C-alpha atoms as a PDB file:
ATOM      1  CA  UNK A   1     -45.257  91.706  33.414  1.00  0.00           C
ATOM      2  CA  UNK A   2     -41.589  92.653  33.817  1.00  0.00           C
ATOM      3  CA  UNK A   3     -38.753  90.385  32.755  1.00  0.00           C
ATOM      4  CA  UNK A   4     -37.475  90.215  36.382  1.00  0.00           C
ATOM      5  CA  UNK A   5     -36.979  86.591  37.407  1.00  0.00           C
ATOM      6  CA  UNK A   6     -38.918  85.868  40.562  1.00  0.00           C
ATOM      7  CA  UNK A   7     -37.608  83.236  42.959  1.00  0.00           C
ATOM      8  CA  UNK A   8     -38.641  81.537  46.141  1.00  0.00           C
ATOM      9  CA  UNK A   9     -36.691  78.754  47.793  1.00  0.00           C
ATOM     10  CA  UNK A  10     -37.848  75.959  47.295  1.00  0.00           C
ATOM     11  CA  UNK A  11     -40.774  76.221  44.888  1.00  0.00           C
ATOM     12  CA  UNK A  12     -43.577  73.811  44.159  1.00  0.00           C
ATOM     13  CA  UNK A  13     -45.149  73.918  40.631  1.00  0.00           C
ATOM     14  CA  UNK A  14     -48.818  72.509  40.127  1.00  0.00           C
ATOM     15  CA  UNK A  15     -49.850  72.623  36.441  1.00  0.00           C
ATOM     16  CA  UNK A  16     -53.231  72.140  34.954  1.00  0.00           C
ATOM     17  CA  UNK A  17     -53.287  71.759  31.241  1.00  0.00           C
ATOM     18  CA  UNK A  18     -55.881  71.375  28.565  1.00  0.00           C
ATOM     19  CA  UNK A  19     -55.699  71.583  24.800  1.00  0.00           C
ATOM     20  CA  UNK A  20     -56.143  75.420  24.632  1.00  0.00           C
ATOM     21  CA  UNK A  21     -54.330  76.773  27.723  1.00  0.00           C
ATOM     22  CA  UNK A  22     -52.081  75.679  30.700  1.00  0.00           C
ATOM     23  CA  UNK A  23     -52.224  77.248  34.135  1.00  0.00           C
ATOM     24  CA  UNK A  24     -49.028  77.187  36.033  1.00  0.00           C
ATOM     25  CA  UNK A  25     -49.073  77.836  39.730  1.00  0.00           C
ATOM     26  CA  UNK A  26     -45.560  78.311  41.509  1.00  0.00           C
ATOM     27  CA  UNK A  27     -45.833  78.183  45.262  1.00  0.00           C
ATOM     28  CA  UNK A  28     -42.995  79.084  47.728  1.00  0.00           C
ATOM     29  CA  UNK A  29     -43.400  76.089  50.093  1.00  0.00           C
ATOM     30  CA  UNK A  30     -41.430  77.872  52.918  1.00  0.00           C
ATOM     31  CA  UNK A  31     -44.242  80.419  53.279  1.00  0.00           C
ATOM     32  CA  UNK A  32     -47.809  80.227  54.034  1.00  0.00           C
ATOM     33  CA  UNK A  33     -49.904  78.668  51.164  1.00  0.00           C
ATOM     34  CA  UNK A  34     -50.877  81.264  48.643  1.00  0.00           C
ATOM     35  CA  UNK A  35     -48.741  84.108  50.056  1.00  0.00           C
ATOM     36  CA  UNK A  36     -45.925  83.648  47.624  1.00  0.00           C
ATOM     37  CA  UNK A  37     -47.763  82.263  44.637  1.00  0.00           C
ATOM     38  CA  UNK A  38     -47.164  83.110  40.987  1.00  0.00           C
ATOM     39  CA  UNK A  39     -49.676  82.274  38.384  1.00  0.00           C
ATOM     40  CA  UNK A  40     -48.867  82.089  34.725  1.00  0.00           C
ATOM     41  CA  UNK A  41     -50.916  80.960  31.771  1.00  0.00           C
ATOM     42  CA  UNK A  42     -49.292  79.542  28.543  1.00  0.00           C
ATOM     43  CA  UNK A  43     -50.644  77.660  25.531  1.00  0.00           C
ATOM     44  CA  UNK A  44     -52.222  74.323  25.967  1.00  0.00           C
ATOM     45  CA  UNK A  45     -49.915  71.423  26.233  1.00  0.00           C
ATOM     46  CA  UNK A  46     -51.887  68.367  25.189  1.00  0.00           C
ATOM     47  CA  UNK A  47     -49.307  65.777  24.028  1.00  0.00           C
ATOM     48  CA  UNK A  48     -51.772  64.750  21.223  1.00  0.00           C
ATOM     49  CA  UNK A  49     -51.315  68.171  19.604  1.00  0.00           C
ATOM     50  CA  UNK A  50     -47.701  69.393  20.597  1.00  0.00           C
ATOM     51  CA  UNK A  51     -44.271  67.873  20.144  1.00  0.00           C
ATOM     52  CA  UNK A  52     -41.366  67.873  22.522  1.00  0.00           C
ATOM     53  CA  UNK A  53     -39.673  70.788  20.915  1.00  0.00           C
ATOM     54  CA  UNK A  54     -42.786  72.929  21.200  1.00  0.00           C
ATOM     55  CA  UNK A  55     -42.933  72.082  24.919  1.00  0.00           C
ATOM     56  CA  UNK A  56     -39.280  73.126  25.317  1.00  0.00           C
ATOM     57  CA  UNK A  57     -39.845  76.402  23.491  1.00  0.00           C
ATOM     58  CA  UNK A  58     -42.960  77.182  25.652  1.00  0.00           C
ATOM     59  CA  UNK A  59     -41.005  76.619  28.826  1.00  0.00           C
ATOM     60  CA  UNK A  60     -37.937  78.643  27.672  1.00  0.00           C
ATOM     61  CA  UNK A  61     -39.987  81.586  26.250  1.00  0.00           C
ATOM     62  CA  UNK A  62     -43.141  81.747  28.581  1.00  0.00           C
ATOM     63  CA  UNK A  63     -41.951  80.381  31.910  1.00  0.00           C
ATOM     64  CA  UNK A  64     -38.167  81.148  32.075  1.00  0.00           C
ATOM     65  CA  UNK A  65     -38.507  84.899  31.928  1.00  0.00           C
ATOM     66  CA  UNK A  66     -40.530  84.811  35.182  1.00  0.00           C
ATOM     67  CA  UNK A  67     -39.432  81.816  37.111  1.00  0.00           C
ATOM     68  CA  UNK A  68     -35.912  80.685  38.051  1.00  0.00           C
ATOM     69  CA  UNK A  69     -36.273  76.896  37.042  1.00  0.00           C
ATOM     70  CA  UNK A  70     -33.426  75.872  39.319  1.00  0.00           C
ATOM     71  CA  UNK A  71     -35.374  76.932  42.437  1.00  0.00           C
ATOM     72  CA  UNK A  72     -38.441  74.506  41.706  1.00  0.00           C
ATOM     73  CA  UNK A  73     -38.164  71.325  43.841  1.00  0.00           C
ATOM     74  CA  UNK A  74     -41.421  69.581  42.618  1.00  0.00           C
ATOM     75  CA  UNK A  75     -43.413  69.690  39.486  1.00  0.00           C
ATOM     76  CA  UNK A  76     -46.882  68.133  39.383  1.00  0.00           C
ATOM     77  CA  UNK A  77     -48.280  68.337  35.870  1.00  0.00           C
ATOM     78  CA  UNK A  78     -51.908  67.282  35.273  1.00  0.00           C
ATOM     79  CA  UNK A  79     -53.115  67.452  31.693  1.00  0.00           C
ATOM     80  CA  UNK A  80     -55.619  66.301  29.002  1.00  0.00           C
ATOM     81  CA  UNK A  81     -53.963  63.589  26.908  1.00  0.00           C
ATOM     82  CA  UNK A  82     -51.666  62.502  29.702  1.00  0.00           C
ATOM     83  CA  UNK A  83     -53.286  59.272  30.631  1.00  0.00           C
ATOM     84  CA  UNK A  84     -51.444  57.385  27.928  1.00  0.00           C
ATOM     85  CA  UNK A  85     -47.880  56.437  29.073  1.00  0.00           C
ATOM     86  CA  UNK A  86     -46.189  56.967  25.732  1.00  0.00           C
ATOM     87  CA  UNK A  87     -47.734  60.356  25.208  1.00  0.00           C
ATOM     88  CA  UNK A  88     -46.955  61.341  28.667  1.00  0.00           C
ATOM     89  CA  UNK A  89     -43.261  61.286  27.747  1.00  0.00           C
ATOM     90  CA  UNK A  90     -43.865  64.232  25.294  1.00  0.00           C
ATOM     91  CA  UNK A  91     -44.290  66.454  28.351  1.00  0.00           C
ATOM     92  CA  UNK A  92     -42.222  64.443  30.958  1.00  0.00           C
ATOM     93  CA  UNK A  93     -38.901  64.702  28.943  1.00  0.00           C
ATOM     94  CA  UNK A  94     -38.837  68.497  28.479  1.00  0.00           C
ATOM     95  CA  UNK A  95     -40.206  69.224  31.926  1.00  0.00           C
ATOM     96  CA  UNK A  96     -37.465  67.162  33.471  1.00  0.00           C
ATOM     97  CA  UNK A  97     -34.768  68.748  31.400  1.00  0.00           C
ATOM     98  CA  UNK A  98     -36.037  72.394  32.141  1.00  0.00           C
ATOM     99  CA  UNK A  99     -36.694  71.661  35.859  1.00  0.00           C
ATOM    100  CA  UNK A 100     -33.419  69.759  36.345  1.00  0.00           C
ATOM    101  CA  UNK A 101     -33.398  70.074  40.114  1.00  0.00           C
ATOM    102  CA  UNK A 102     -36.965  68.986  40.625  1.00  0.00           C
ATOM    103  CA  UNK A 103     -38.975  65.752  40.905  1.00  0.00           C
ATOM    104  CA  UNK A 104     -41.324  65.762  37.974  1.00  0.00           C
ATOM    105  CA  UNK A 105     -44.650  63.914  37.779  1.00  0.00           C
ATOM    106  CA  UNK A 106     -46.997  63.882  34.802  1.00  0.00           C
ATOM    107  CA  UNK A 107     -50.459  62.543  35.050  1.00  0.00           C
ATOM    108  CA  UNK A 108     -53.940  62.907  33.590  1.00  0.00           C
ATOM    109  CA  UNK A 109     -56.287  65.837  34.203  1.00  0.00           C
ATOM    110  CA  UNK A 110     -58.724  63.211  35.673  1.00  0.00           C
ATOM    111  CA  UNK A 111     -56.043  62.237  38.271  1.00  0.00           C
ATOM    112  CA  UNK A 112     -55.508  65.940  38.962  1.00  0.00           C
ATOM    113  CA  UNK A 113     -59.248  66.446  39.693  1.00  0.00           C
ATOM    114  CA  UNK A 114     -59.363  63.443  41.892  1.00  0.00           C
ATOM    115  CA  UNK A 115     -56.304  64.550  44.030  1.00  0.00           C
ATOM    116  CA  UNK A 116     -57.619  68.093  44.305  1.00  0.00           C
ATOM    117  CA  UNK A 117     -60.937  66.835  45.324  1.00  0.00           C
ATOM    118  CA  UNK A 118     -60.075  63.963  47.623  1.00  0.00           C
ATOM    119  CA  UNK A 119     -56.375  64.259  48.505  1.00  0.00           C
ATOM    120  CA  UNK A 120     -55.661  60.709  49.987  1.00  0.00           C
ATOM    121  CA  UNK A 121     -59.267  59.746  50.534  1.00  0.00           C
ATOM    122  CA  UNK A 122     -61.280  57.527  48.056  1.00  0.00           C
ATOM    123  CA  UNK A 123     -63.971  59.114  45.998  1.00  0.00           C
ATOM    124  CA  UNK A 124     -65.442  59.491  42.503  1.00  0.00           C
ATOM    125  CA  UNK A 125     -64.221  62.405  40.476  1.00  0.00           C
ATOM    126  CA  UNK A 126     -65.379  63.742  37.155  1.00  0.00           C
ATOM    127  CA  UNK A 127     -64.575  66.424  34.636  1.00  0.00           C
ATOM    128  CA  UNK A 128     -67.186  68.269  32.559  1.00  0.00           C
ATOM    129  CA  UNK A 129     -66.067  69.883  29.391  1.00  0.00           C
ATOM    130  CA  UNK A 130     -65.122  68.860  25.854  1.00  0.00           C
ATOM    131  CA  UNK A 131     -63.393  65.728  27.290  1.00  0.00           C
ATOM    132  CA  UNK A 132     -65.816  64.999  30.075  1.00  0.00           C
ATOM    133  CA  UNK A 133     -64.928  61.785  31.990  1.00  0.00           C
ATOM    134  CA  UNK A 134     -65.472  60.147  35.399  1.00  0.00           C
ATOM    135  CA  UNK A 135     -63.350  57.814  37.572  1.00  0.00           C
ATOM    136  CA  UNK A 136     -63.262  55.978  40.877  1.00  0.00           C
ATOM    137  CA  UNK A 137     -60.155  57.003  42.941  1.00  0.00           C
ATOM    138  CA  UNK A 138     -58.880  54.925  45.850  1.00  0.00           C
ATOM    139  CA  UNK A 139     -56.835  57.499  47.483  1.00  0.00           C
ATOM    140  CA  UNK A 140     -53.650  57.058  45.562  1.00  0.00           C
ATOM    141  CA  UNK A 141     -54.496  56.041  42.182  1.00  0.00           C
ATOM    142  CA  UNK A 142     -57.442  55.693  39.575  1.00  0.00           C
ATOM    143  CA  UNK A 143     -58.853  52.239  39.804  1.00  0.00           C
ATOM    144  CA  UNK A 144     -61.688  52.483  37.323  1.00  0.00           C
ATOM    145  CA  UNK A 145     -62.328  55.052  34.569  1.00  0.00           C
ATOM    146  CA  UNK A 146     -65.170  55.763  32.197  1.00  0.00           C
ATOM    147  CA  UNK A 147     -63.530  56.604  28.820  1.00  0.00           C
ATOM    148  CA  UNK A 148     -64.238  60.116  27.581  1.00  0.00           C
ATOM    149  CA  UNK A 149     -66.115  60.504  24.372  1.00  0.00           C
ATOM    150  CA  UNK A 150     -66.647  64.258  24.749  1.00  0.00           C
ATOM    151  CA  UNK A 151     -63.901  65.227  22.247  1.00  0.00           C
ATOM    152  CA  UNK A 152     -65.041  62.719  19.691  1.00  0.00           C
ATOM    153  CA  UNK A 153     -68.727  63.719  20.112  1.00  0.00           C
ATOM    154  CA  UNK A 154     -67.860  67.392  19.787  1.00  0.00           C
ATOM    155  CA  UNK A 155     -66.125  66.787  16.565  1.00  0.00           C
ATOM    156  CA  UNK A 156     -69.179  64.655  15.244  1.00  0.00           C
ATOM    157  CA  UNK A 157     -71.425  67.495  16.282  1.00  0.00           C
ATOM    158  CA  UNK A 158     -69.325  70.188  14.721  1.00  0.00           C
ATOM    159  CA  UNK A 159     -69.488  68.163  11.396  1.00  0.00           C
ATOM    160  CA  UNK A 160     -73.224  68.088  11.302  1.00  0.00           C
ATOM    161  CA  UNK A 161     -74.981  70.821   9.180  1.00  0.00           C
ATOM    162  CA  UNK A 162     -76.479  73.514  11.247  1.00  0.00           C
ATOM    163  CA  UNK A 163     -80.205  73.899  11.116  1.00  0.00           C
ATOM    164  CA  UNK A 164     -81.924  77.353  10.887  1.00  0.00           C
ATOM    165  CA  UNK A 165     -84.559  77.907  13.535  1.00  0.00           C
END
């Protein structure tokens, strides 16, 4: 990629983050959906594994060379580790500072799955992976959640001795 700054007025950012990678989708809302879309991938931004300063550096070094942050009007960040209100601030603060002109929302990856699947309709959403979990969504918020044990179970499994077959 070149170092040219790409701009659309205004832009919407939808972000899906795990522990290993973060997918950033910047969409020019004045155009047809998908026509003016930029996709970037950066390191994972799970607030249990990164600090505020690491998030700031990621934004400055991996997003700013390609996106004019002043042109972004809304940022919807959905990520693992973002269900906890305190941990959510590890991401919210640097995102709000970097995208100073934008409305910023940070929520869990499970909420992102529910919104993507059902929009404003109720339903049951789930994520399968290291942190597999499921929830009941009422169309605006998660009303019931099954806690994820996937990450803990994967660590327990990795600590067990391997058996030759």
